[in-house]
Amino acid sequence: MAMKNLTAIISPEMVEPVEERLRRLSVPGLSVSHTKGYGAYKNFYQRDLMTTKARLQLFLAEEHVADVVDAIRDVMGPAAEDGGILAVSPVDGFYHLSDQTA
């Protein structure tokens, strides 16, 4: 089964609505971490220009990626104007460490 890594960097206040939508899609797992950075949208009130964002990371079977991408983009809607990215990349290996199976 081909796996993909989906990483989304979004505003922290959008984590809960995105998480709720992903649960309705029965997404099997999600990691959320807080991160800081800058890109197209900078915080000009900070000396280092950093803004606080949330990073969502999912590992999905390839056939579920399009539905999850559509769901995240749908939830974000106009809120994505303040920045955010969504990236999908291949996974060369995926292992469950608890049961030693691939």
N, C-alpha and C. Protein backbone atom coordinates (compact mmCIF):
# COMPACT_ATOMS: atom_id res chain seq x y z
N MET A 1 0.84 -1.17 0.00
CA MET A 1 0.00 0.00 0.00
C MET A 1 0.89 1.24 0.00
N ALA A 2 0.68 2.13 -0.96
CA ALA A 2 1.47 3.37 -1.04
C ALA A 2 0.98 4.36 0.00
N MET A 3 1.93 4.95 0.72
CA MET A 3 1.60 5.91 1.78
C MET A 3 2.08 7.30 1.37
N LYS A 4 1.39 8.31 1.90
CA LYS A 4 1.77 9.70 1.68
C LYS A 4 1.84 10.40 3.03
N ASN A 5 2.70 11.40 3.12
CA ASN A 5 2.81 12.25 4.29
C ASN A 5 2.18 13.59 3.93
N LEU A 6 1.17 13.98 4.68
CA LEU A 6 0.50 15.24 4.45
C LEU A 6 0.85 16.17 5.61
N THR A 7 1.40 17.33 5.31
CA THR A 7 1.74 18.33 6.32
C THR A 7 1.00 19.61 6.00
N ALA A 8 0.28 20.12 6.99
CA ALA A 8 -0.42 21.39 6.84
C ALA A 8 0.08 22.34 7.93
N ILE A 9 0.37 23.55 7.55
CA ILE A 9 0.72 24.58 8.52
C ILE A 9 -0.38 25.63 8.43
N ILE A 10 -1.12 25.77 9.54
CA ILE A 10 -2.32 26.60 9.55
C ILE A 10 -2.34 27.47 10.81
N SER A 11 -3.29 28.38 10.87
CA SER A 11 -3.42 29.21 12.07
C SER A 11 -3.96 28.34 13.21
N PRO A 12 -3.48 28.57 14.43
CA PRO A 12 -3.86 27.73 15.57
C PRO A 12 -5.36 27.66 15.81
N GLU A 13 -6.08 28.75 15.55
CA GLU A 13 -7.52 28.73 15.79
C GLU A 13 -8.29 27.85 14.81
N MET A 14 -7.64 27.41 13.75
CA MET A 14 -8.31 26.53 12.78
C MET A 14 -8.06 25.05 13.05
N VAL A 15 -7.24 24.73 14.05
CA VAL A 15 -6.93 23.32 14.33
C VAL A 15 -8.19 22.54 14.69
N GLU A 16 -8.99 23.06 15.60
CA GLU A 16 -10.18 22.33 16.05
C GLU A 16 -11.17 22.07 14.91
N PRO A 17 -11.54 23.06 14.09
CA PRO A 17 -12.45 22.76 12.99
C PRO A 17 -11.88 21.75 11.99
N VAL A 18 -10.58 21.85 11.70
CA VAL A 18 -9.97 20.88 10.79
C VAL A 18 -9.98 19.50 11.41
N GLU A 19 -9.63 19.41 12.69
CA GLU A 19 -9.62 18.11 13.38
C GLU A 19 -11.01 17.48 13.37
N GLU A 20 -12.04 18.27 13.62
CA GLU A 20 -13.41 17.74 13.60
C GLU A 20 -13.76 17.17 12.24
N ARG A 21 -13.40 17.88 11.18
CA ARG A 21 -13.71 17.39 9.83
C ARG A 21 -12.95 16.10 9.54
N LEU A 22 -11.68 16.03 9.96
CA LEU A 22 -10.90 14.82 9.71
C LEU A 22 -11.46 13.63 10.48
N ARG A 23 -11.99 13.86 11.67
CA ARG A 23 -12.63 12.77 12.42
C ARG A 23 -13.85 12.24 11.68
N ARG A 24 -14.61 13.15 11.06
CA ARG A 24 -15.79 12.71 10.30
C ARG A 24 -15.38 11.88 9.08
N LEU A 25 -14.17 12.11 8.59
CA LEU A 25 -13.64 11.31 7.48
C LEU A 25 -13.00 10.01 7.96
N SER A 26 -13.00 9.79 9.28
CA SER A 26 -12.39 8.61 9.89
C SER A 26 -10.89 8.53 9.63
N VAL A 27 -10.23 9.68 9.64
CA VAL A 27 -8.77 9.70 9.50
C VAL A 27 -8.19 8.97 10.70
N PRO A 28 -7.31 7.98 10.49
CA PRO A 28 -6.85 7.12 11.58
C PRO A 28 -5.89 7.76 12.57
N GLY A 29 -5.27 8.88 12.22
CA GLY A 29 -4.33 9.49 13.15
C GLY A 29 -3.92 10.87 12.68
N LEU A 30 -3.53 11.70 13.65
CA LEU A 30 -3.15 13.07 13.37
C LEU A 30 -2.19 13.53 14.45
N SER A 31 -1.14 14.20 14.06
CA SER A 31 -0.22 14.83 15.02
C SER A 31 -0.32 16.33 14.84
N VAL A 32 -0.37 17.05 15.96
CA VAL A 32 -0.43 18.51 15.93
C VAL A 32 0.71 19.04 16.79
N SER A 33 1.46 19.98 16.24
CA SER A 33 2.50 20.65 17.02
C SER A 33 2.44 22.14 16.73
N HIS A 34 2.94 22.90 17.66
CA HIS A 34 2.98 24.35 17.48
C HIS A 34 4.33 24.72 16.91
N THR A 35 4.32 25.67 15.99
CA THR A 35 5.54 26.07 15.31
C THR A 35 5.54 27.57 15.08
N LYS A 36 6.68 28.11 14.80
CA LYS A 36 6.82 29.52 14.46
C LYS A 36 7.60 29.63 13.17
N GLY A 37 7.28 30.63 12.40
CA GLY A 37 8.01 30.83 11.17
C GLY A 37 7.47 32.04 10.43
N TYR A 38 8.01 32.26 9.25
CA TYR A 38 7.47 33.31 8.40
C TYR A 38 7.66 32.92 6.95
N GLY A 39 6.82 33.47 6.13
CA GLY A 39 6.85 33.23 4.70
C GLY A 39 6.18 34.42 4.04
N ALA A 40 5.14 34.16 3.28
CA ALA A 40 4.42 35.24 2.61
C ALA A 40 3.80 36.21 3.62
N TYR A 41 3.40 35.68 4.78
CA TYR A 41 2.77 36.52 5.81
C TYR A 41 3.72 36.62 6.99
N LYS A 42 4.19 37.83 7.23
CA LYS A 42 5.15 38.07 8.31
C LYS A 42 4.46 38.87 9.41
N ASN A 43 4.94 38.72 10.63
CA ASN A 43 4.46 39.49 11.76
C ASN A 43 5.39 40.69 11.92
N PHE A 44 5.00 41.80 11.34
CA PHE A 44 5.87 42.98 11.35
C PHE A 44 5.97 43.62 12.74
N TYR A 45 5.18 43.13 13.69
CA TYR A 45 5.26 43.64 15.06
C TYR A 45 6.34 42.91 15.86
N GLN A 46 6.88 41.84 15.33
CA GLN A 46 7.94 41.09 15.98
C GLN A 46 9.27 41.39 15.28
N ARG A 47 10.32 41.49 16.04
CA ARG A 47 11.63 41.78 15.46
C ARG A 47 12.07 40.66 14.51
N ASP A 48 11.74 39.42 14.85
CA ASP A 48 12.17 38.30 14.01
C ASP A 48 11.15 37.94 12.93
N LEU A 49 10.03 38.68 12.85
CA LEU A 49 8.98 38.50 11.85
C LEU A 49 8.19 37.19 11.99
N MET A 50 8.44 36.43 13.04
CA MET A 50 7.82 35.12 13.20
C MET A 50 6.34 35.22 13.57
N THR A 51 5.55 34.30 13.01
CA THR A 51 4.16 34.14 13.41
C THR A 51 4.00 32.75 14.00
N THR A 52 3.03 32.61 14.88
CA THR A 52 2.76 31.31 15.50
C THR A 52 1.74 30.57 14.65
N LYS A 53 2.05 29.34 14.34
CA LYS A 53 1.17 28.49 13.53
C LYS A 53 1.07 27.12 14.17
N ALA A 54 0.19 26.30 13.63
CA ALA A 54 0.07 24.91 14.04
C ALA A 54 0.47 24.04 12.86
N ARG A 55 1.18 22.95 13.15
CA ARG A 55 1.58 22.01 12.11
C ARG A 55 0.79 20.71 12.32
N LEU A 56 0.06 20.32 11.30
CA LEU A 56 -0.68 19.06 11.32
C LEU A 56 0.07 18.10 10.43
N GLN A 57 0.26 16.88 10.91
CA GLN A 57 0.96 15.87 10.12
C GLN A 57 0.14 14.59 10.13
N LEU A 58 -0.07 14.05 8.94
CA LEU A 58 -0.84 12.83 8.77
C LEU A 58 -0.10 11.90 7.84
N PHE A 59 -0.18 10.62 8.11
CA PHE A 59 0.30 9.59 7.20
C PHE A 59 -0.93 8.85 6.71
N LEU A 60 -1.12 8.84 5.39
CA LEU A 60 -2.34 8.31 4.81
C LEU A 60 -2.05 7.36 3.67
N ALA A 61 -2.96 6.43 3.47
CA ALA A 61 -2.92 5.63 2.25
C ALA A 61 -3.18 6.58 1.08
N GLU A 62 -2.48 6.35 0.00
CA GLU A 62 -2.54 7.26 -1.15
C GLU A 62 -3.97 7.53 -1.63
N GLU A 63 -4.83 6.53 -1.55
CA GLU A 63 -6.19 6.70 -2.06
C GLU A 63 -7.05 7.64 -1.21
N HIS A 64 -6.60 8.00 0.00
CA HIS A 64 -7.37 8.90 0.87
C HIS A 64 -6.87 10.34 0.81
N VAL A 65 -5.76 10.58 0.17
CA VAL A 65 -5.13 11.91 0.20
C VAL A 65 -6.03 12.97 -0.41
N ALA A 66 -6.61 12.73 -1.55
CA ALA A 66 -7.43 13.75 -2.23
C ALA A 66 -8.60 14.18 -1.35
N ASP A 67 -9.27 13.22 -0.70
CA ASP A 67 -10.40 13.57 0.17
C ASP A 67 -9.96 14.41 1.36
N VAL A 68 -8.81 14.08 1.94
CA VAL A 68 -8.31 14.82 3.10
C VAL A 68 -7.87 16.22 2.68
N VAL A 69 -7.19 16.34 1.57
CA VAL A 69 -6.78 17.66 1.07
C VAL A 69 -8.01 18.52 0.81
N ASP A 70 -9.02 17.96 0.15
CA ASP A 70 -10.25 18.71 -0.12
C ASP A 70 -10.92 19.15 1.17
N ALA A 71 -10.95 18.27 2.17
CA ALA A 71 -11.59 18.59 3.45
C ALA A 71 -10.87 19.74 4.15
N ILE A 72 -9.55 19.68 4.20
CA ILE A 72 -8.79 20.75 4.86
C ILE A 72 -8.98 22.07 4.13
N ARG A 73 -8.90 22.04 2.82
CA ARG A 73 -9.08 23.28 2.05
C ARG A 73 -10.48 23.84 2.21
N ASP A 74 -11.47 22.96 2.31
CA ASP A 74 -12.85 23.39 2.50
C ASP A 74 -13.03 24.07 3.86
N VAL A 75 -12.49 23.46 4.91
CA VAL A 75 -12.60 24.03 6.25
C VAL A 75 -11.86 25.36 6.33
N MET A 76 -10.69 25.43 5.76
CA MET A 76 -9.89 26.66 5.84
C MET A 76 -10.57 27.80 5.11
N GLY A 77 -11.11 27.54 3.93
CA GLY A 77 -11.82 28.56 3.17
C GLY A 77 -11.13 29.91 3.20
N PRO A 78 -11.89 30.98 3.46
CA PRO A 78 -11.32 32.33 3.50
C PRO A 78 -10.29 32.52 4.61
N ALA A 79 -10.30 31.68 5.63
CA ALA A 79 -9.32 31.82 6.72
C ALA A 79 -7.91 31.60 6.22
N ALA A 80 -7.76 30.93 5.09
CA ALA A 80 -6.43 30.66 4.55
C ALA A 80 -5.75 31.94 4.05
N GLU A 81 -6.50 33.05 3.99
CA GLU A 81 -5.90 34.30 3.54
C GLU A 81 -4.74 34.74 4.43
N ASP A 82 -4.77 34.34 5.72
CA ASP A 82 -3.69 34.76 6.62
C ASP A 82 -2.51 33.82 6.56
N GLY A 83 -2.48 33.00 5.57
CA GLY A 83 -1.33 32.12 5.37
C GLY A 83 -1.65 30.69 5.71
N GLY A 84 -0.82 29.85 5.27
CA GLY A 84 -0.97 28.43 5.49
C GLY A 84 -0.51 27.68 4.27
N ILE A 85 -0.02 26.49 4.51
CA ILE A 85 0.42 25.65 3.39
C ILE A 85 -0.06 24.23 3.63
N LEU A 86 -0.11 23.50 2.56
CA LEU A 86 -0.49 22.09 2.60
C LEU A 86 0.43 21.38 1.62
N ALA A 87 1.19 20.41 2.12
CA ALA A 87 2.15 19.70 1.28
C ALA A 87 1.91 18.20 1.39
N VAL A 88 2.04 17.51 0.28
CA VAL A 88 1.92 16.06 0.24
C VAL A 88 3.22 15.51 -0.32
N SER A 89 3.80 14.55 0.39
CA SER A 89 5.06 13.96 -0.07
C SER A 89 5.01 12.45 0.08
N PRO A 90 5.82 11.74 -0.70
CA PRO A 90 5.83 10.28 -0.63
C PRO A 90 6.48 9.79 0.66
N VAL A 91 6.10 8.59 1.05
CA VAL A 91 6.69 7.93 2.22
C VAL A 91 7.37 6.66 1.72
N ASP A 92 8.66 6.56 1.93
CA ASP A 92 9.42 5.40 1.46
C ASP A 92 9.24 4.18 2.35
N GLY A 93 8.95 4.41 3.62
CA GLY A 93 8.73 3.30 4.54
C GLY A 93 7.81 3.75 5.65
N PHE A 94 7.00 2.83 6.16
CA PHE A 94 6.07 3.14 7.24
C PHE A 94 5.98 1.91 8.13
N TYR A 95 6.34 2.08 9.38
CA TYR A 95 6.44 0.93 10.29
C TYR A 95 5.73 1.23 11.60
N HIS A 96 4.98 0.26 12.09
CA HIS A 96 4.37 0.34 13.42
C HIS A 96 5.40 -0.21 14.40
N LEU A 97 5.96 0.63 15.23
CA LEU A 97 7.01 0.20 16.14
C LEU A 97 6.48 -0.71 17.25
N SER A 98 5.21 -0.57 17.59
CA SER A 98 4.66 -1.37 18.69
C SER A 98 4.53 -2.85 18.35
N ASP A 99 4.25 -3.16 17.08
CA ASP A 99 4.08 -4.57 16.74
C ASP A 99 5.08 -5.08 15.71
N GLN A 100 6.04 -4.23 15.37
CA GLN A 100 7.13 -4.62 14.47
C GLN A 100 6.65 -5.07 13.09
N THR A 101 5.51 -4.52 12.63
CA THR A 101 5.03 -4.85 11.29
C THR A 101 5.10 -3.62 10.41
N ALA A 102 5.15 -3.85 9.13
CA ALA A 102 5.17 -2.74 8.16
C ALA A 102 3.76 -2.37 7.80
